[in-house]
Structure formats: C-alpha cells, structure tokens
Amino acid sequence: MGKLVEGIKIAAYVAEIVMASAVVIELVGKCSGKSRVKAASVETGAGEAPETE
C-alpha cells in the first residue's frame, strides 16, 4: 500500500509540472503576440502617414 501512495504522489508531482509548463507556455505566447501586434500597428501607421499628407 505504501508503494501505491508513493506512486500517486509522484504522478501528482508530474501532473503539477506539466500544468505549470503549460501555463508558462501560454503566458509566453500571449506576451509575444502582443509585441507582434504592436509592431505591426506601428509599421502600418508609419506606412499610411505619408499618403495622407
């Protein structure tokens, strides 16, 4: 019975690591996506400015 409990604890630790890594990957994806959107909007705005003058 002791080995079963130990195995369940190890499985819980592995699941916790997997979930934490998924959260980190999601946060990195969101942060990099925002910087790309800002860069694209700056490039678009710079391209339109001379045409309106």
C-alpha atoms as a PDB file:
ATOM      1  CA  MET A   1       0.000   0.000   0.000  1.00  0.00           C
ATOM      2  CA  GLY A   2       2.916   2.340   0.721  1.00  0.00           C
ATOM      3  CA  LYS A   3       4.295   1.985  -2.795  1.00  0.00           C
ATOM      4  CA  LEU A   4       0.887   2.815  -4.245  1.00  0.00           C
ATOM      5  CA  VAL A   5       0.697   6.044  -2.258  1.00  0.00           C
ATOM      6  CA  GLU A   6       4.259   6.906  -3.281  1.00  0.00           C
ATOM      7  CA  GLY A   7       3.383   6.285  -6.928  1.00  0.00           C
ATOM      8  CA  ILE A   8       0.313   8.528  -6.669  1.00  0.00           C
ATOM      9  CA  LYS A   9       2.437  11.303  -5.139  1.00  0.00           C
ATOM     10  CA  ILE A  10       4.951  11.047  -7.973  1.00  0.00           C
ATOM     11  CA  ALA A  11       2.137  11.144 -10.534  1.00  0.00           C
ATOM     12  CA  ALA A  12       0.725  14.250  -8.827  1.00  0.00           C
ATOM     13  CA  TYR A  13       4.134  15.975  -8.979  1.00  0.00           C
ATOM     14  CA  VAL A  14       4.482  15.127 -12.678  1.00  0.00           C
ATOM     15  CA  ALA A  15       0.981  16.443 -13.386  1.00  0.00           C
ATOM     16  CA  GLU A  16       1.783  19.646 -11.495  1.00  0.00           C
ATOM     17  CA  ILE A  17       4.953  20.175 -13.549  1.00  0.00           C
ATOM     18  CA  VAL A  18       3.058  19.604 -16.797  1.00  0.00           C
ATOM     19  CA  MET A  19       0.350  22.094 -15.841  1.00  0.00           C
ATOM     20  CA  ALA A  20       2.891  24.705 -14.738  1.00  0.00           C
ATOM     21  CA  SER A  21       4.802  24.382 -18.010  1.00  0.00           C
ATOM     22  CA  ALA A  22       1.567  24.737 -19.983  1.00  0.00           C
ATOM     23  CA  VAL A  23       0.759  27.961 -18.117  1.00  0.00           C
ATOM     24  CA  VAL A  24       4.246  29.333 -18.791  1.00  0.00           C
ATOM     25  CA  ILE A  25       3.982  28.487 -22.487  1.00  0.00           C
ATOM     26  CA  GLU A  26       0.586  30.187 -22.686  1.00  0.00           C
ATOM     27  CA  LEU A  27       1.887  33.338 -20.987  1.00  0.00           C
ATOM     28  CA  VAL A  28       4.906  33.497 -23.291  1.00  0.00           C
ATOM     29  CA  GLY A  29       2.608  33.110 -26.288  1.00  0.00           C
ATOM     30  CA  LYS A  30       0.382  35.942 -25.116  1.00  0.00           C
ATOM     31  CA  CYS A  31       3.310  38.261 -24.421  1.00  0.00           C
ATOM     32  CA  SER A  32       4.982  37.623 -27.762  1.00  0.00           C
ATOM     33  CA  GLY A  33       1.647  38.020 -29.564  1.00  0.00           C
ATOM     34  CA  LYS A  34       1.076  41.462 -28.049  1.00  0.00           C
ATOM     35  CA  SER A  35       4.511  42.694 -29.075  1.00  0.00           C
ATOM     36  CA  ARG A  36       3.953  41.468 -32.624  1.00  0.00           C
ATOM     37  CA  VAL A  37       0.589  43.238 -32.815  1.00  0.00           C
ATOM     38  CA  LYS A  38       2.124  46.479 -31.554  1.00  0.00           C
ATOM     39  CA  ALA A  39       4.989  46.218 -34.050  1.00  0.00           C
ATOM     40  CA  ALA A  40       2.570  45.565 -36.905  1.00  0.00           C
ATOM     41  CA  SER A  41       0.369  48.518 -35.966  1.00  0.00           C
ATOM     42  CA  VAL A  42       3.388  50.824 -35.779  1.00  0.00           C
ATOM     43  CA  GLU A  43       4.559  49.689 -39.226  1.00  0.00           C
ATOM     44  CA  THR A  44       1.071  50.146 -40.684  1.00  0.00           C
ATOM     45  CA  GLY A  45       0.703  53.588 -39.156  1.00  0.00           C
ATOM     46  CA  ALA A  46       4.088  54.673 -40.478  1.00  0.00           C
ATOM     47  CA  GLY A  47       3.179  53.483 -43.966  1.00  0.00           C
ATOM     48  CA  GLU A  48      -0.116  55.391 -44.040  1.00  0.00           C
ATOM     49  CA  ALA A  49       1.198  58.704 -42.700  1.00  0.00           C
ATOM     50  CA  PRO A  50       2.969  59.958 -45.880  1.00  0.00           C
ATOM     51  CA  GLU A  51      -0.048  59.061 -48.055  1.00  0.00           C
ATOM     52  CA  THR A  52      -2.427  61.302 -46.077  1.00  0.00           C
ATOM     53  CA  GLU A  53      -0.218  64.379 -46.250  1.00  0.00           C
END
